Amino acid sequence: MIVGWIDLMGYAASGLTLATFAQRTMLPMRVMAIGANVCFIGYGAMGPFIPVLALHVILLPVNVLRLRALLRPAREEAGLAGQRAGDQRLIAGISSGLL
């Protein structure tokens, strides 16, 4: 059985998705998720998989924005430390909101 490029891209995307779920911390999880999104976008674009393509085109910017929130410079986080303790929802990774 010959595996084509489309299948290889699908397997890579699936493997990265599995690796995403295996992460224990947010930073590597977001990096793996972005890799999976890119592979799934390629997979969806190479074959007739429009729902897969549409889903990951939407998820990619969400994951990039969440990764940026995790990588904010330390000076911004130092500014948050001066706020009252009850406002913890602003710190990256603590919010339980969808977006």
N, C-alpha and C. Protein backbone atom coordinates (compact mmCIF):
# COMPACT_ATOMS: atom_id res chain seq x y z
N MET A 1 0.84 -1.18 0.00
CA MET A 1 0.00 0.00 0.00
C MET A 1 0.89 1.25 0.00
N ILE A 2 0.64 2.14 -0.92
CA ILE A 2 1.40 3.37 -1.03
C ILE A 2 0.63 4.48 -0.32
N VAL A 3 1.33 5.14 0.57
CA VAL A 3 0.73 6.25 1.32
C VAL A 3 1.04 7.54 0.58
N GLY A 4 0.01 8.30 0.25
CA GLY A 4 0.20 9.55 -0.47
C GLY A 4 0.48 10.71 0.46
N TRP A 5 0.78 11.86 -0.15
CA TRP A 5 1.06 13.08 0.62
C TRP A 5 -0.12 13.50 1.48
N ILE A 6 -1.32 13.32 0.96
CA ILE A 6 -2.51 13.71 1.72
C ILE A 6 -2.60 12.87 3.00
N ASP A 7 -2.38 11.57 2.85
CA ASP A 7 -2.43 10.68 4.01
C ASP A 7 -1.33 11.03 5.02
N LEU A 8 -0.13 11.30 4.54
CA LEU A 8 0.97 11.66 5.43
C LEU A 8 0.65 12.93 6.22
N MET A 9 0.05 13.91 5.54
CA MET A 9 -0.32 15.15 6.22
C MET A 9 -1.40 14.86 7.27
N GLY A 10 -2.33 14.01 6.96
CA GLY A 10 -3.38 13.65 7.91
C GLY A 10 -2.82 12.92 9.12
N TYR A 11 -1.88 12.00 8.89
CA TYR A 11 -1.25 11.29 10.00
C TYR A 11 -0.41 12.23 10.87
N ALA A 12 0.29 13.16 10.24
CA ALA A 12 1.08 14.14 11.00
C ALA A 12 0.15 15.00 11.85
N ALA A 13 -0.94 15.45 11.26
CA ALA A 13 -1.90 16.28 12.00
C ALA A 13 -2.51 15.50 13.17
N SER A 14 -2.84 14.25 12.92
CA SER A 14 -3.41 13.42 13.98
C SER A 14 -2.40 13.18 15.09
N GLY A 15 -1.15 12.92 14.72
CA GLY A 15 -0.10 12.71 15.72
C GLY A 15 0.12 13.95 16.57
N LEU A 16 0.12 15.12 15.93
CA LEU A 16 0.29 16.36 16.68
C LEU A 16 -0.91 16.63 17.60
N THR A 17 -2.09 16.26 17.15
CA THR A 17 -3.27 16.42 18.00
C THR A 17 -3.16 15.51 19.23
N LEU A 18 -2.71 14.29 19.02
CA LEU A 18 -2.51 13.37 20.14
C LEU A 18 -1.45 13.93 21.09
N ALA A 19 -0.37 14.46 20.54
CA ALA A 19 0.68 15.06 21.37
C ALA A 19 0.15 16.27 22.14
N THR A 20 -0.76 17.02 21.53
CA THR A 20 -1.37 18.17 22.20
C THR A 20 -2.09 17.74 23.46
N PHE A 21 -2.86 16.69 23.36
CA PHE A 21 -3.62 16.21 24.52
C PHE A 21 -2.73 15.58 25.58
N ALA A 22 -1.51 15.20 25.22
CA ALA A 22 -0.60 14.56 26.18
C ALA A 22 0.21 15.58 26.98
N GLN A 23 0.13 16.85 26.64
CA GLN A 23 0.92 17.87 27.33
C GLN A 23 0.34 18.17 28.71
N ARG A 24 1.23 18.50 29.63
CA ARG A 24 0.80 18.82 30.99
C ARG A 24 0.73 20.32 31.25
N THR A 25 1.41 21.12 30.43
CA THR A 25 1.40 22.56 30.64
C THR A 25 0.92 23.26 29.38
N MET A 26 0.50 24.51 29.54
CA MET A 26 -0.15 25.23 28.45
C MET A 26 0.79 25.61 27.30
N LEU A 27 2.01 25.99 27.59
CA LEU A 27 2.90 26.45 26.53
C LEU A 27 3.16 25.37 25.48
N PRO A 28 3.62 24.18 25.86
CA PRO A 28 3.82 23.16 24.83
C PRO A 28 2.50 22.71 24.19
N MET A 29 1.41 22.76 24.96
CA MET A 29 0.12 22.39 24.39
C MET A 29 -0.27 23.32 23.26
N ARG A 30 -0.09 24.63 23.46
CA ARG A 30 -0.43 25.59 22.41
C ARG A 30 0.47 25.43 21.19
N VAL A 31 1.76 25.18 21.41
CA VAL A 31 2.68 25.00 20.29
C VAL A 31 2.29 23.77 19.48
N MET A 32 1.98 22.68 20.15
CA MET A 32 1.54 21.46 19.45
C MET A 32 0.22 21.69 18.73
N ALA A 33 -0.68 22.40 19.37
CA ALA A 33 -1.98 22.68 18.75
C ALA A 33 -1.82 23.52 17.48
N ILE A 34 -0.92 24.48 17.50
CA ILE A 34 -0.68 25.30 16.32
C ILE A 34 -0.09 24.43 15.20
N GLY A 35 0.83 23.55 15.54
CA GLY A 35 1.37 22.62 14.54
C GLY A 35 0.29 21.73 13.96
N ALA A 36 -0.59 21.22 14.82
CA ALA A 36 -1.70 20.39 14.36
C ALA A 36 -2.64 21.20 13.46
N ASN A 37 -2.92 22.45 13.83
CA ASN A 37 -3.77 23.31 12.99
C ASN A 37 -3.17 23.50 11.61
N VAL A 38 -1.86 23.77 11.56
CA VAL A 38 -1.20 23.97 10.27
C VAL A 38 -1.28 22.69 9.42
N CYS A 39 -1.00 21.55 10.04
CA CYS A 39 -1.08 20.29 9.29
C CYS A 39 -2.50 19.98 8.83
N PHE A 40 -3.47 20.23 9.70
CA PHE A 40 -4.86 19.98 9.30
C PHE A 40 -5.31 20.95 8.20
N ILE A 41 -4.81 22.16 8.22
CA ILE A 41 -5.13 23.10 7.13
C ILE A 41 -4.56 22.57 5.82
N GLY A 42 -3.32 22.09 5.86
CA GLY A 42 -2.74 21.49 4.66
C GLY A 42 -3.51 20.26 4.21
N TYR A 43 -3.89 19.43 5.16
CA TYR A 43 -4.67 18.22 4.86
C TYR A 43 -6.02 18.58 4.24
N GLY A 44 -6.69 19.56 4.83
CA GLY A 44 -7.99 19.97 4.31
C GLY A 44 -7.89 20.62 2.94
N ALA A 45 -6.79 21.33 2.69
CA ALA A 45 -6.60 22.00 1.41
C ALA A 45 -6.22 21.02 0.30
N MET A 46 -5.51 19.95 0.65
CA MET A 46 -5.06 18.98 -0.36
C MET A 46 -6.16 18.02 -0.79
N GLY A 47 -7.13 17.81 0.04
CA GLY A 47 -8.19 16.87 -0.28
C GLY A 47 -9.55 17.52 -0.14
N PRO A 48 -10.58 16.75 -0.37
CA PRO A 48 -11.93 17.31 -0.28
C PRO A 48 -12.45 17.32 1.16
N PHE A 49 -11.72 17.97 2.04
CA PHE A 49 -12.05 17.95 3.47
C PHE A 49 -12.35 19.36 3.95
N ILE A 50 -13.34 19.99 3.37
CA ILE A 50 -13.67 21.38 3.67
C ILE A 50 -14.03 21.61 5.14
N PRO A 51 -14.81 20.73 5.80
CA PRO A 51 -15.09 20.98 7.22
C PRO A 51 -13.84 20.98 8.08
N VAL A 52 -12.90 20.10 7.79
CA VAL A 52 -11.63 20.06 8.53
C VAL A 52 -10.86 21.35 8.29
N LEU A 53 -10.80 21.77 7.04
CA LEU A 53 -10.11 23.01 6.68
C LEU A 53 -10.73 24.20 7.39
N ALA A 54 -12.05 24.31 7.35
CA ALA A 54 -12.73 25.45 7.98
C ALA A 54 -12.50 25.48 9.48
N LEU A 55 -12.60 24.33 10.13
CA LEU A 55 -12.40 24.27 11.58
C LEU A 55 -11.02 24.75 11.97
N HIS A 56 -10.00 24.30 11.28
CA HIS A 56 -8.64 24.63 11.70
C HIS A 56 -8.21 26.02 11.23
N VAL A 57 -8.86 26.56 10.22
CA VAL A 57 -8.62 27.96 9.86
C VAL A 57 -9.16 28.86 10.97
N ILE A 58 -10.23 28.44 11.63
CA ILE A 58 -10.78 29.20 12.75
C ILE A 58 -9.95 28.97 14.02
N LEU A 59 -9.52 27.74 14.26
CA LEU A 59 -8.78 27.43 15.49
C LEU A 59 -7.36 27.99 15.50
N LEU A 60 -6.74 28.13 14.34
CA LEU A 60 -5.35 28.61 14.30
C LEU A 60 -5.19 29.99 14.93
N PRO A 61 -5.99 31.00 14.55
CA PRO A 61 -5.81 32.30 15.22
C PRO A 61 -6.15 32.26 16.71
N VAL A 62 -7.10 31.41 17.10
CA VAL A 62 -7.42 31.28 18.53
C VAL A 62 -6.19 30.78 19.28
N ASN A 63 -5.55 29.74 18.76
CA ASN A 63 -4.36 29.20 19.42
C ASN A 63 -3.19 30.19 19.40
N VAL A 64 -3.03 30.93 18.31
CA VAL A 64 -1.95 31.91 18.24
C VAL A 64 -2.18 33.02 19.27
N LEU A 65 -3.42 33.50 19.38
CA LEU A 65 -3.72 34.54 20.37
C LEU A 65 -3.50 34.03 21.79
N ARG A 66 -3.90 32.81 22.06
CA ARG A 66 -3.70 32.24 23.40
C ARG A 66 -2.21 32.06 23.70
N LEU A 67 -1.43 31.67 22.68
CA LEU A 67 0.01 31.53 22.87
C LEU A 67 0.64 32.89 23.16
N ARG A 68 0.22 33.91 22.42
CA ARG A 68 0.73 35.27 22.67
C ARG A 68 0.42 35.71 24.09
N ALA A 69 -0.77 35.37 24.59
CA ALA A 69 -1.13 35.74 25.95
C ALA A 69 -0.21 35.05 26.97
N LEU A 70 0.21 33.84 26.67
CA LEU A 70 1.13 33.14 27.56
C LEU A 70 2.53 33.73 27.53
N LEU A 71 2.91 34.32 26.41
CA LEU A 71 4.26 34.82 26.22
C LEU A 71 4.40 36.31 26.44
N ARG A 72 3.40 36.94 27.06
CA ARG A 72 3.49 38.37 27.35
C ARG A 72 4.77 38.67 28.09
N PRO A 73 5.35 39.81 27.81
CA PRO A 73 6.59 40.18 28.53
C PRO A 73 6.37 40.25 30.04
N ALA A 74 7.42 40.00 30.78
CA ALA A 74 7.34 39.97 32.24
C ALA A 74 6.93 41.32 32.81
N ARG A 75 7.22 42.40 32.10
CA ARG A 75 6.85 43.72 32.62
C ARG A 75 5.34 43.90 32.67
N GLU A 76 4.62 43.30 31.73
CA GLU A 76 3.15 43.38 31.77
C GLU A 76 2.62 42.57 32.94
N GLU A 77 3.21 41.41 33.19
CA GLU A 77 2.78 40.58 34.31
C GLU A 77 3.10 41.26 35.63
N ALA A 78 4.22 41.99 35.69
CA ALA A 78 4.56 42.72 36.92
C ALA A 78 3.52 43.80 37.19
N GLY A 79 2.98 44.41 36.15
CA GLY A 79 1.93 45.41 36.31
C GLY A 79 0.66 44.79 36.86
N LEU A 80 0.38 43.54 36.46
CA LEU A 80 -0.80 42.85 36.98
C LEU A 80 -0.65 42.51 38.45
N ALA A 81 0.59 42.29 38.90
CA ALA A 81 0.80 41.91 40.29
C ALA A 81 0.39 43.03 41.24
N GLY A 82 0.45 44.28 40.77
CA GLY A 82 0.08 45.40 41.60
C GLY A 82 -1.42 45.58 41.76
N GLN A 83 -2.22 44.92 40.93
CA GLN A 83 -3.67 45.04 41.02
C GLN A 83 -4.17 44.23 42.21
N ARG A 84 -5.41 44.48 42.58
CA ARG A 84 -5.96 43.75 43.71
C ARG A 84 -6.03 42.25 43.41
N ALA A 85 -5.90 41.44 44.42
CA ALA A 85 -5.80 39.99 44.27
C ALA A 85 -7.06 39.37 43.70
N GLY A 86 -8.22 39.99 43.85
CA GLY A 86 -9.47 39.43 43.35
C GLY A 86 -9.61 39.49 41.84
N ASP A 87 -8.69 40.14 41.16
CA ASP A 87 -8.79 40.28 39.71
C ASP A 87 -7.89 39.27 38.99
N GLN A 88 -7.87 38.04 39.46
CA GLN A 88 -7.01 37.00 38.91
C GLN A 88 -7.44 36.53 37.53
N ARG A 89 -8.62 36.85 37.09
CA ARG A 89 -9.10 36.38 35.78
C ARG A 89 -8.33 36.99 34.62
N LEU A 90 -7.56 38.04 34.86
CA LEU A 90 -6.82 38.69 33.79
C LEU A 90 -5.50 38.00 33.48
N ILE A 91 -5.04 37.14 34.37
CA ILE A 91 -3.76 36.48 34.17
C ILE A 91 -3.96 35.32 33.18
N ALA A 92 -3.05 35.22 32.21
CA ALA A 92 -3.16 34.20 31.16
C ALA A 92 -3.20 32.81 31.78
N GLY A 93 -4.12 32.00 31.30
CA GLY A 93 -4.21 30.62 31.74
C GLY A 93 -5.18 30.39 32.88
N ILE A 94 -5.64 31.44 33.53
CA ILE A 94 -6.54 31.28 34.65
C ILE A 94 -8.00 31.39 34.21
N SER A 95 -8.25 32.17 33.20
CA SER A 95 -9.62 32.39 32.73
C SER A 95 -10.24 31.09 32.25
N SER A 96 -11.49 30.87 32.59
CA SER A 96 -12.19 29.68 32.11
C SER A 96 -13.11 30.03 30.95
N GLY A 97 -12.99 31.25 30.42
CA GLY A 97 -13.83 31.69 29.32
C GLY A 97 -13.47 30.98 28.02
N LEU A 98 -14.41 30.92 27.10
CA LEU A 98 -14.18 30.27 25.82
C LEU A 98 -13.16 31.02 25.01
N LEU A 99 -13.28 32.31 24.92
CA LEU A 99 -12.32 33.11 24.16
C LEU A 99 -11.78 34.16 25.07
